[in-house]
Amino acid sequence: MATLAAFRITKPSGQLYGTVYTVDSEQCDQGLELTVAGEPLKGVRVLGGVTLLDAELTRTNSASTVGNRPVGVPKWMANVGTEWDLPWVQGLTLTGGVNFTGQEYVDQTNTQSVPSWTTFDIGARYTTPIYGKSTTLRAGVLNVFDRKYWSGVASFGTISLGAPRTLFASATVDF
């Protein structure tokens, strides 16, 4: 499967003035989004996408910021996730993923920004019956290389710290 979407969105935009957040601008976001999914080999699944964004401030309270990039909107983002069902262990699947977000501006003047970032995730899933109930055990590591990054920018002047390396485990039982 593959999908391609083109879009153009005009929406209000705002910024922080001292301690007051004001919606006083307008931004236009247009771009392309490509998503692909499939099973290129038996037991190997891939899901990925890329988004290209051409965004600009079309109306602001200052002529000097018209045409600038909106706060928190990268030029591009991409991700890919994979799953591989191990043929020699029934019910065991290995998983992996890569996530990328481009540079984002923190202010409407486009003088401060957070850099682009990429993280890698790995994991495994094992499905087996336990006491006659389908049970799935999962474990993995998000942000395998413990990348330090800013994961998001909000138009009210804040940035979010990205999650550090995170280990997880879970179990799901179908009743």
N, C-alpha and C. Protein backbone atom coordinates (compact mmCIF):
# COMPACT_ATOMS: atom_id res chain seq x y z
N MET A 1 0.83 -1.16 0.00
CA MET A 1 0.00 0.00 0.00
C MET A 1 0.89 1.23 0.00
N ALA A 2 0.45 2.22 -0.73
CA ALA A 2 1.13 3.52 -0.70
C ALA A 2 0.06 4.60 -0.85
N THR A 3 0.21 5.66 -0.08
CA THR A 3 -0.70 6.79 -0.21
C THR A 3 0.12 8.06 -0.33
N LEU A 4 -0.41 8.98 -1.09
CA LEU A 4 0.22 10.28 -1.23
C LEU A 4 -0.88 11.32 -1.01
N ALA A 5 -0.63 12.24 -0.10
CA ALA A 5 -1.61 13.28 0.19
C ALA A 5 -0.95 14.65 0.02
N ALA A 6 -1.68 15.53 -0.61
CA ALA A 6 -1.25 16.93 -0.71
C ALA A 6 -2.24 17.74 0.12
N PHE A 7 -1.74 18.73 0.83
CA PHE A 7 -2.64 19.51 1.68
C PHE A 7 -2.21 20.97 1.74
N ARG A 8 -3.18 21.80 2.08
CA ARG A 8 -2.96 23.23 2.31
C ARG A 8 -3.92 23.64 3.41
N ILE A 9 -3.37 24.10 4.53
CA ILE A 9 -4.17 24.45 5.70
C ILE A 9 -3.81 25.86 6.14
N THR A 10 -4.81 26.68 6.32
CA THR A 10 -4.61 28.02 6.88
C THR A 10 -5.25 28.00 8.26
N LYS A 11 -4.50 28.48 9.25
CA LYS A 11 -5.03 28.45 10.62
C LYS A 11 -4.46 29.60 11.43
N PRO A 12 -5.12 29.93 12.54
CA PRO A 12 -4.59 30.97 13.42
C PRO A 12 -3.25 30.55 14.02
N SER A 13 -2.45 31.54 14.34
CA SER A 13 -1.15 31.30 14.95
C SER A 13 -0.96 32.34 16.04
N GLY A 14 -0.17 32.03 17.02
CA GLY A 14 0.02 32.97 18.13
C GLY A 14 1.44 32.95 18.64
N GLN A 15 1.66 33.78 19.63
CA GLN A 15 2.97 33.84 20.26
C GLN A 15 2.85 34.41 21.66
N LEU A 16 3.92 34.25 22.42
CA LEU A 16 3.97 34.72 23.80
C LEU A 16 4.56 36.11 23.84
N TYR A 17 3.86 37.04 24.49
CA TYR A 17 4.36 38.39 24.75
C TYR A 17 4.50 38.53 26.25
N GLY A 18 5.72 38.45 26.74
CA GLY A 18 5.92 38.48 28.19
C GLY A 18 5.28 37.24 28.80
N THR A 19 4.21 37.45 29.56
CA THR A 19 3.50 36.32 30.17
C THR A 19 2.12 36.10 29.55
N VAL A 20 1.84 36.77 28.43
CA VAL A 20 0.53 36.66 27.81
C VAL A 20 0.66 36.01 26.43
N TYR A 21 -0.11 34.96 26.22
CA TYR A 21 -0.15 34.31 24.91
C TYR A 21 -1.27 34.96 24.10
N THR A 22 -0.95 35.37 22.89
CA THR A 22 -1.92 36.05 22.04
C THR A 22 -1.98 35.38 20.67
N VAL A 23 -3.19 35.10 20.24
CA VAL A 23 -3.40 34.59 18.88
C VAL A 23 -3.59 35.82 18.01
N ASP A 24 -2.51 36.21 17.32
CA ASP A 24 -2.52 37.47 16.57
C ASP A 24 -1.98 37.30 15.15
N SER A 25 -1.87 36.05 14.71
CA SER A 25 -1.24 35.79 13.42
C SER A 25 -2.02 34.72 12.68
N GLU A 26 -1.59 34.46 11.45
CA GLU A 26 -2.15 33.39 10.65
C GLU A 26 -1.00 32.69 9.94
N GLN A 27 -1.12 31.38 9.83
CA GLN A 27 -0.09 30.62 9.14
C GLN A 27 -0.73 29.75 8.07
N CYS A 28 0.05 29.47 7.04
CA CYS A 28 -0.38 28.58 5.97
C CYS A 28 0.61 27.43 5.90
N ASP A 29 0.11 26.23 6.11
CA ASP A 29 0.93 25.02 6.04
C ASP A 29 0.48 24.24 4.81
N GLN A 30 1.42 23.97 3.92
CA GLN A 30 1.11 23.14 2.76
C GLN A 30 2.23 22.14 2.58
N GLY A 31 1.86 21.00 2.03
CA GLY A 31 2.90 20.00 1.87
C GLY A 31 2.41 18.71 1.26
N LEU A 32 3.29 17.75 1.34
CA LEU A 32 3.04 16.40 0.82
C LEU A 32 3.34 15.39 1.91
N GLU A 33 2.53 14.33 1.93
CA GLU A 33 2.76 13.26 2.88
C GLU A 33 2.68 11.94 2.13
N LEU A 34 3.75 11.17 2.20
CA LEU A 34 3.81 9.86 1.56
C LEU A 34 3.87 8.80 2.65
N THR A 35 2.99 7.81 2.56
CA THR A 35 2.99 6.69 3.50
C THR A 35 3.06 5.40 2.71
N VAL A 36 3.90 4.49 3.14
CA VAL A 36 4.00 3.17 2.50
C VAL A 36 3.89 2.10 3.58
N ALA A 37 3.25 1.01 3.22
CA ALA A 37 3.11 -0.12 4.14
C ALA A 37 3.03 -1.38 3.31
N GLY A 38 3.60 -2.43 3.83
CA GLY A 38 3.51 -3.68 3.11
C GLY A 38 4.34 -4.78 3.73
N GLU A 39 4.32 -5.92 3.05
CA GLU A 39 5.08 -7.08 3.47
C GLU A 39 5.95 -7.50 2.28
N PRO A 40 7.15 -6.89 2.15
CA PRO A 40 8.00 -7.17 1.00
C PRO A 40 8.50 -8.62 0.95
N LEU A 41 8.65 -9.22 2.11
CA LEU A 41 9.02 -10.64 2.22
C LEU A 41 8.08 -11.28 3.22
N LYS A 42 7.81 -12.56 3.07
CA LYS A 42 6.92 -13.24 4.00
C LYS A 42 7.44 -13.08 5.43
N GLY A 43 6.57 -12.53 6.29
CA GLY A 43 6.93 -12.36 7.70
C GLY A 43 7.68 -11.07 8.00
N VAL A 44 7.93 -10.23 6.99
CA VAL A 44 8.61 -8.95 7.20
C VAL A 44 7.65 -7.83 6.79
N ARG A 45 7.27 -6.99 7.75
CA ARG A 45 6.35 -5.89 7.47
C ARG A 45 7.06 -4.56 7.68
N VAL A 46 6.70 -3.59 6.84
CA VAL A 46 7.29 -2.25 6.89
C VAL A 46 6.17 -1.23 6.83
N LEU A 47 6.27 -0.22 7.66
CA LEU A 47 5.34 0.91 7.63
C LEU A 47 6.18 2.16 7.80
N GLY A 48 6.05 3.09 6.87
CA GLY A 48 6.86 4.30 6.96
C GLY A 48 6.21 5.46 6.27
N GLY A 49 6.75 6.62 6.53
CA GLY A 49 6.21 7.80 5.89
C GLY A 49 7.16 8.97 5.98
N VAL A 50 6.91 9.93 5.10
CA VAL A 50 7.67 11.17 5.11
C VAL A 50 6.69 12.31 4.84
N THR A 51 6.87 13.40 5.55
CA THR A 51 6.04 14.58 5.36
C THR A 51 6.96 15.76 5.07
N LEU A 52 6.68 16.45 3.97
CA LEU A 52 7.41 17.66 3.59
C LEU A 52 6.48 18.84 3.82
N LEU A 53 6.94 19.83 4.57
CA LEU A 53 6.10 20.97 4.94
C LEU A 53 6.68 22.28 4.45
N ASP A 54 5.89 23.02 3.71
CA ASP A 54 6.22 24.39 3.32
C ASP A 54 5.25 25.26 4.11
N ALA A 55 5.73 25.87 5.17
CA ALA A 55 4.86 26.63 6.05
C ALA A 55 5.39 28.05 6.19
N GLU A 56 4.45 28.99 6.27
CA GLU A 56 4.87 30.38 6.48
C GLU A 56 3.81 31.15 7.23
N LEU A 57 4.28 32.18 7.91
CA LEU A 57 3.37 33.12 8.56
C LEU A 57 2.85 34.06 7.50
N THR A 58 1.55 34.07 7.28
CA THR A 58 0.96 34.89 6.22
C THR A 58 0.42 36.21 6.74
N ARG A 59 0.20 36.29 8.05
CA ARG A 59 -0.27 37.54 8.67
C ARG A 59 0.25 37.55 10.10
N THR A 60 0.91 38.63 10.48
CA THR A 60 1.40 38.77 11.87
C THR A 60 1.22 40.23 12.29
N ASN A 61 1.54 40.51 13.54
CA ASN A 61 1.45 41.89 14.03
C ASN A 61 2.70 42.69 13.70
N SER A 62 3.66 42.07 12.99
CA SER A 62 4.91 42.75 12.63
C SER A 62 5.28 42.38 11.19
N ALA A 63 5.46 43.37 10.36
CA ALA A 63 5.82 43.12 8.96
C ALA A 63 7.13 42.34 8.84
N SER A 64 7.99 42.43 9.84
CA SER A 64 9.28 41.75 9.78
C SER A 64 9.17 40.23 9.93
N THR A 65 8.04 39.73 10.43
CA THR A 65 7.89 38.28 10.60
C THR A 65 6.99 37.64 9.54
N VAL A 66 6.33 38.43 8.72
CA VAL A 66 5.51 37.87 7.63
C VAL A 66 6.44 37.12 6.67
N GLY A 67 6.07 35.90 6.34
CA GLY A 67 6.89 35.06 5.46
C GLY A 67 7.82 34.13 6.22
N ASN A 68 7.98 34.34 7.52
CA ASN A 68 8.82 33.44 8.32
C ASN A 68 8.12 32.11 8.55
N ARG A 69 8.91 31.12 9.00
CA ARG A 69 8.33 29.81 9.35
C ARG A 69 7.58 29.93 10.67
N PRO A 70 6.44 29.27 10.78
CA PRO A 70 5.71 29.25 12.06
C PRO A 70 6.51 28.51 13.13
N VAL A 71 6.23 28.85 14.35
CA VAL A 71 6.86 28.21 15.50
C VAL A 71 6.48 26.73 15.53
N GLY A 72 7.47 25.87 15.73
CA GLY A 72 7.23 24.44 15.94
C GLY A 72 6.86 23.64 14.70
N VAL A 73 7.13 24.17 13.50
CA VAL A 73 6.79 23.45 12.28
C VAL A 73 8.08 23.11 11.52
N PRO A 74 8.49 21.84 11.52
CA PRO A 74 9.72 21.46 10.81
C PRO A 74 9.48 21.44 9.30
N LYS A 75 10.58 21.48 8.52
CA LYS A 75 10.46 21.37 7.06
C LYS A 75 10.11 19.95 6.64
N TRP A 76 10.58 18.98 7.44
CA TRP A 76 10.23 17.60 7.12
C TRP A 76 10.35 16.69 8.32
N MET A 77 9.56 15.61 8.24
CA MET A 77 9.56 14.57 9.27
C MET A 77 9.49 13.23 8.55
N ALA A 78 10.07 12.20 9.16
CA ALA A 78 10.03 10.87 8.55
C ALA A 78 10.08 9.81 9.65
N ASN A 79 9.50 8.65 9.36
CA ASN A 79 9.59 7.53 10.28
C ASN A 79 9.44 6.23 9.50
N VAL A 80 9.99 5.19 10.06
CA VAL A 80 9.83 3.85 9.48
C VAL A 80 9.82 2.86 10.64
N GLY A 81 8.91 1.92 10.54
CA GLY A 81 8.83 0.85 11.52
C GLY A 81 8.84 -0.48 10.81
N THR A 82 9.47 -1.47 11.41
CA THR A 82 9.55 -2.79 10.80
C THR A 82 9.20 -3.87 11.82
N GLU A 83 8.72 -4.98 11.29
CA GLU A 83 8.45 -6.17 12.10
C GLU A 83 8.94 -7.39 11.32
N TRP A 84 9.55 -8.32 12.03
CA TRP A 84 10.04 -9.54 11.41
C TRP A 84 9.60 -10.72 12.27
N ASP A 85 8.74 -11.55 11.72
CA ASP A 85 8.32 -12.78 12.40
C ASP A 85 9.42 -13.81 12.22
N LEU A 86 10.07 -14.19 13.30
CA LEU A 86 11.17 -15.16 13.20
C LEU A 86 10.60 -16.53 12.79
N PRO A 87 11.07 -17.08 11.67
CA PRO A 87 10.49 -18.33 11.17
C PRO A 87 10.81 -19.54 12.05
N TRP A 88 11.87 -19.49 12.84
CA TRP A 88 12.27 -20.64 13.64
C TRP A 88 11.73 -20.61 15.06
N VAL A 89 11.00 -19.52 15.45
CA VAL A 89 10.36 -19.46 16.76
C VAL A 89 8.92 -18.98 16.55
N GLN A 90 7.98 -19.91 16.55
CA GLN A 90 6.57 -19.57 16.33
C GLN A 90 6.09 -18.54 17.35
N GLY A 91 5.52 -17.43 16.87
CA GLY A 91 4.95 -16.41 17.75
C GLY A 91 5.90 -15.29 18.13
N LEU A 92 7.18 -15.37 17.75
CA LEU A 92 8.16 -14.33 18.12
C LEU A 92 8.37 -13.36 16.96
N THR A 93 8.23 -12.08 17.26
CA THR A 93 8.40 -11.02 16.27
C THR A 93 9.38 -9.99 16.81
N LEU A 94 10.37 -9.61 16.01
CA LEU A 94 11.30 -8.53 16.35
C LEU A 94 10.77 -7.25 15.71
N THR A 95 10.92 -6.13 16.41
CA THR A 95 10.43 -4.85 15.91
C THR A 95 11.54 -3.81 15.96
N GLY A 96 11.41 -2.81 15.12
CA GLY A 96 12.38 -1.71 15.13
C GLY A 96 11.76 -0.48 14.50
N GLY A 97 12.32 0.66 14.83
CA GLY A 97 11.80 1.90 14.26
C GLY A 97 12.82 3.01 14.28
N VAL A 98 12.66 3.93 13.35
CA VAL A 98 13.49 5.13 13.27
C VAL A 98 12.54 6.32 13.12
N ASN A 99 12.76 7.36 13.90
CA ASN A 99 11.91 8.56 13.86
C ASN A 99 12.79 9.79 13.68
N PHE A 100 12.41 10.65 12.73
CA PHE A 100 13.18 11.87 12.45
C PHE A 100 12.23 13.07 12.42
N THR A 101 12.65 14.16 13.04
CA THR A 101 11.96 15.45 12.95
C THR A 101 12.99 16.51 12.67
N GLY A 102 12.71 17.37 11.69
CA GLY A 102 13.64 18.43 11.32
C GLY A 102 13.66 19.59 12.31
N GLN A 103 14.56 20.50 12.08
CA GLN A 103 14.73 21.70 12.91
C GLN A 103 13.40 22.45 13.03
N GLU A 104 13.15 23.00 14.22
CA GLU A 104 11.94 23.78 14.46
C GLU A 104 12.32 25.12 15.10
N TYR A 105 11.66 26.18 14.65
CA TYR A 105 11.90 27.49 15.26
C TYR A 105 11.11 27.63 16.54
N VAL A 106 11.67 28.39 17.48
CA VAL A 106 11.06 28.61 18.79
C VAL A 106 10.34 29.96 18.82
N ASP A 107 10.66 30.84 17.91
CA ASP A 107 10.06 32.18 17.90
C ASP A 107 9.68 32.60 16.48
N GLN A 108 8.74 33.54 16.38
CA GLN A 108 8.27 33.98 15.07
C GLN A 108 9.33 34.75 14.28
N THR A 109 10.33 35.28 14.95
CA THR A 109 11.40 35.99 14.24
C THR A 109 12.40 35.01 13.61
N ASN A 110 12.24 33.72 13.91
CA ASN A 110 13.12 32.67 13.38
C ASN A 110 14.59 32.89 13.74
N THR A 111 14.82 33.38 14.97
CA THR A 111 16.20 33.59 15.43
C THR A 111 16.66 32.50 16.39
N GLN A 112 15.71 31.74 16.96
CA GLN A 112 16.06 30.66 17.88
C GLN A 112 15.39 29.39 17.39
N SER A 113 16.11 28.29 17.47
CA SER A 113 15.55 27.02 17.01
C SER A 113 16.09 25.86 17.82
N VAL A 114 15.41 24.74 17.71
CA VAL A 114 15.93 23.49 18.26
C VAL A 114 16.36 22.64 17.06
N PRO A 115 17.45 21.90 17.20
CA PRO A 115 17.96 21.13 16.06
C PRO A 115 17.10 19.91 15.73
N SER A 116 17.30 19.39 14.54
CA SER A 116 16.62 18.16 14.14
C SER A 116 17.07 17.02 15.05
N TRP A 117 16.28 15.96 15.07
CA TRP A 117 16.63 14.82 15.91
C TRP A 117 16.16 13.52 15.27
N THR A 118 16.88 12.46 15.62
CA THR A 118 16.54 11.11 15.16
C THR A 118 16.67 10.16 16.34
N THR A 119 15.68 9.30 16.49
CA THR A 119 15.76 8.26 17.53
C THR A 119 15.53 6.89 16.90
N PHE A 120 16.04 5.87 17.57
CA PHE A 120 15.92 4.48 17.13
C PHE A 120 15.29 3.66 18.25
N ASP A 121 14.38 2.78 17.88
CA ASP A 121 13.69 1.93 18.84
C ASP A 121 13.83 0.46 18.41
N ILE A 122 13.91 -0.44 19.38
CA ILE A 122 13.93 -1.87 19.09
C ILE A 122 13.02 -2.59 20.09
N GLY A 123 12.56 -3.76 19.69
CA GLY A 123 11.72 -4.50 20.62
C GLY A 123 11.44 -5.90 20.12
N ALA A 124 10.65 -6.61 20.91
CA ALA A 124 10.24 -7.96 20.56
C ALA A 124 8.84 -8.20 21.11
N ARG A 125 8.13 -9.09 20.43
CA ARG A 125 6.78 -9.46 20.83
C ARG A 125 6.66 -10.97 20.71
N TYR A 126 6.09 -11.60 21.72
CA TYR A 126 5.91 -13.05 21.69
C TYR A 126 4.46 -13.36 22.03
N THR A 127 3.79 -14.05 21.12
CA THR A 127 2.38 -14.41 21.31
C THR A 127 2.28 -15.92 21.47
N THR A 128 1.61 -16.34 22.55
CA THR A 128 1.45 -17.77 22.84
C THR A 128 0.22 -17.96 23.71
N PRO A 129 -0.40 -19.11 23.65
CA PRO A 129 -1.52 -19.36 24.58
C PRO A 129 -0.99 -19.70 25.98
N ILE A 130 -1.61 -19.10 26.98
CA ILE A 130 -1.30 -19.43 28.38
C ILE A 130 -2.64 -19.74 29.05
N TYR A 131 -2.76 -20.94 29.57
CA TYR A 131 -4.02 -21.41 30.16
C TYR A 131 -5.19 -21.21 29.19
N GLY A 132 -4.93 -21.47 27.91
CA GLY A 132 -5.96 -21.39 26.89
C GLY A 132 -6.32 -19.98 26.43
N LYS A 133 -5.62 -18.99 26.93
CA LYS A 133 -5.88 -17.60 26.55
C LYS A 133 -4.71 -17.06 25.72
N SER A 134 -5.04 -16.41 24.59
CA SER A 134 -4.00 -15.81 23.77
C SER A 134 -3.30 -14.71 24.56
N THR A 135 -1.99 -14.84 24.71
CA THR A 135 -1.21 -13.91 25.52
C THR A 135 -0.07 -13.34 24.69
N THR A 136 0.12 -12.03 24.77
CA THR A 136 1.21 -11.37 24.06
C THR A 136 2.12 -10.69 25.07
N LEU A 137 3.39 -11.04 25.04
CA LEU A 137 4.41 -10.43 25.89
C LEU A 137 5.24 -9.50 25.01
N ARG A 138 5.47 -8.28 25.49
CA ARG A 138 6.25 -7.30 24.72
C ARG A 138 7.37 -6.74 25.60
N ALA A 139 8.49 -6.43 24.95
CA ALA A 139 9.59 -5.76 25.64
C ALA A 139 10.36 -4.97 24.59
N GLY A 140 10.96 -3.88 25.02
CA GLY A 140 11.71 -3.10 24.06
C GLY A 140 12.46 -1.95 24.69
N VAL A 141 13.14 -1.24 23.82
CA VAL A 141 13.91 -0.07 24.21
C VAL A 141 13.57 1.06 23.24
N LEU A 142 13.08 2.17 23.77
CA LEU A 142 12.83 3.37 22.98
C LEU A 142 14.03 4.29 23.12
N ASN A 143 14.40 4.96 22.06
CA ASN A 143 15.58 5.86 22.06
C ASN A 143 16.82 5.08 22.50
N VAL A 144 17.11 4.03 21.76
CA VAL A 144 18.18 3.08 22.09
C VAL A 144 19.50 3.76 22.42
N PHE A 145 19.88 4.78 21.66
CA PHE A 145 21.18 5.42 21.85
C PHE A 145 21.13 6.58 22.84
N ASP A 146 20.01 6.71 23.57
CA ASP A 146 19.83 7.73 24.60
C ASP A 146 20.11 9.14 24.07
N ARG A 147 19.59 9.43 22.90
CA ARG A 147 19.77 10.73 22.25
C ARG A 147 19.14 11.83 23.11
N LYS A 148 19.87 12.89 23.35
CA LYS A 148 19.34 14.06 24.06
C LYS A 148 18.77 15.00 23.01
N TYR A 149 17.50 15.35 23.12
CA TYR A 149 16.87 16.18 22.09
C TYR A 149 15.65 16.90 22.63
N TRP A 150 15.26 17.93 21.91
CA TRP A 150 14.02 18.66 22.20
C TRP A 150 12.97 18.09 21.26
N SER A 151 11.92 17.50 21.81
CA SER A 151 10.95 16.78 20.97
C SER A 151 9.82 17.63 20.43
N GLY A 152 9.65 18.81 20.95
CA GLY A 152 8.55 19.63 20.47
C GLY A 152 8.67 21.07 20.89
N VAL A 153 8.05 21.93 20.11
CA VAL A 153 8.05 23.36 20.37
C VAL A 153 6.60 23.82 20.36
N ALA A 154 6.21 24.56 21.38
CA ALA A 154 4.85 25.10 21.44
C ALA A 154 4.89 26.59 21.15
N SER A 155 3.83 27.09 20.54
CA SER A 155 3.81 28.50 20.15
C SER A 155 3.76 29.45 21.33
N PHE A 156 3.54 28.94 22.53
CA PHE A 156 3.52 29.81 23.71
C PHE A 156 4.88 29.85 24.41
N GLY A 157 5.95 29.55 23.66
CA GLY A 157 7.30 29.77 24.16
C GLY A 157 7.92 28.66 24.96
N THR A 158 7.39 27.45 24.87
CA THR A 158 7.98 26.35 25.61
C THR A 158 8.49 25.28 24.65
N ILE A 159 9.46 24.54 25.11
CA ILE A 159 9.96 23.39 24.37
C ILE A 159 9.90 22.17 25.28
N SER A 160 9.76 21.00 24.67
CA SER A 160 9.65 19.76 25.45
C SER A 160 10.91 18.94 25.29
N LEU A 161 11.40 18.46 26.39
CA LEU A 161 12.57 17.57 26.39
C LEU A 161 12.15 16.20 25.90
N GLY A 162 12.90 15.63 24.97
CA GLY A 162 12.60 14.29 24.46
C GLY A 162 12.83 13.23 25.51
N ALA A 163 12.13 12.13 25.37
CA ALA A 163 12.25 11.03 26.33
C ALA A 163 13.63 10.40 26.25
N PRO A 164 14.24 10.10 27.39
CA PRO A 164 15.53 9.41 27.39
C PRO A 164 15.33 7.94 27.01
N ARG A 165 16.43 7.20 26.96
CA ARG A 165 16.31 5.76 26.71
C ARG A 165 15.29 5.21 27.71
N THR A 166 14.34 4.47 27.17
CA THR A 166 13.26 3.95 28.00
C THR A 166 13.07 2.46 27.73
N LEU A 167 13.14 1.67 28.79
CA LEU A 167 12.87 0.24 28.70
C LEU A 167 11.42 -0.01 29.05
N PHE A 168 10.78 -0.92 28.32
CA PHE A 168 9.39 -1.22 28.64
C PHE A 168 9.13 -2.71 28.50
N ALA A 169 8.12 -3.16 29.21
CA ALA A 169 7.65 -4.54 29.12
C ALA A 169 6.16 -4.53 29.43
N SER A 170 5.43 -5.40 28.74
CA SER A 170 3.99 -5.48 29.00
C SER A 170 3.49 -6.88 28.64
N ALA A 171 2.30 -7.18 29.12
CA ALA A 171 1.64 -8.43 28.80
C ALA A 171 0.17 -8.11 28.52
N THR A 172 -0.36 -8.75 27.48
CA THR A 172 -1.76 -8.60 27.14
C THR A 172 -2.38 -9.99 27.06
N VAL A 173 -3.53 -10.15 27.70
CA VAL A 173 -4.23 -11.44 27.69
C VAL A 173 -5.62 -11.21 27.12
N ASP A 174 -5.98 -12.00 26.09
CA ASP A 174 -7.33 -11.91 25.50
C ASP A 174 -8.25 -12.86 26.27
N PHE A 175 -9.37 -12.35 26.72
CA PHE A 175 -10.35 -13.16 27.46
C PHE A 175 -11.55 -13.44 26.58
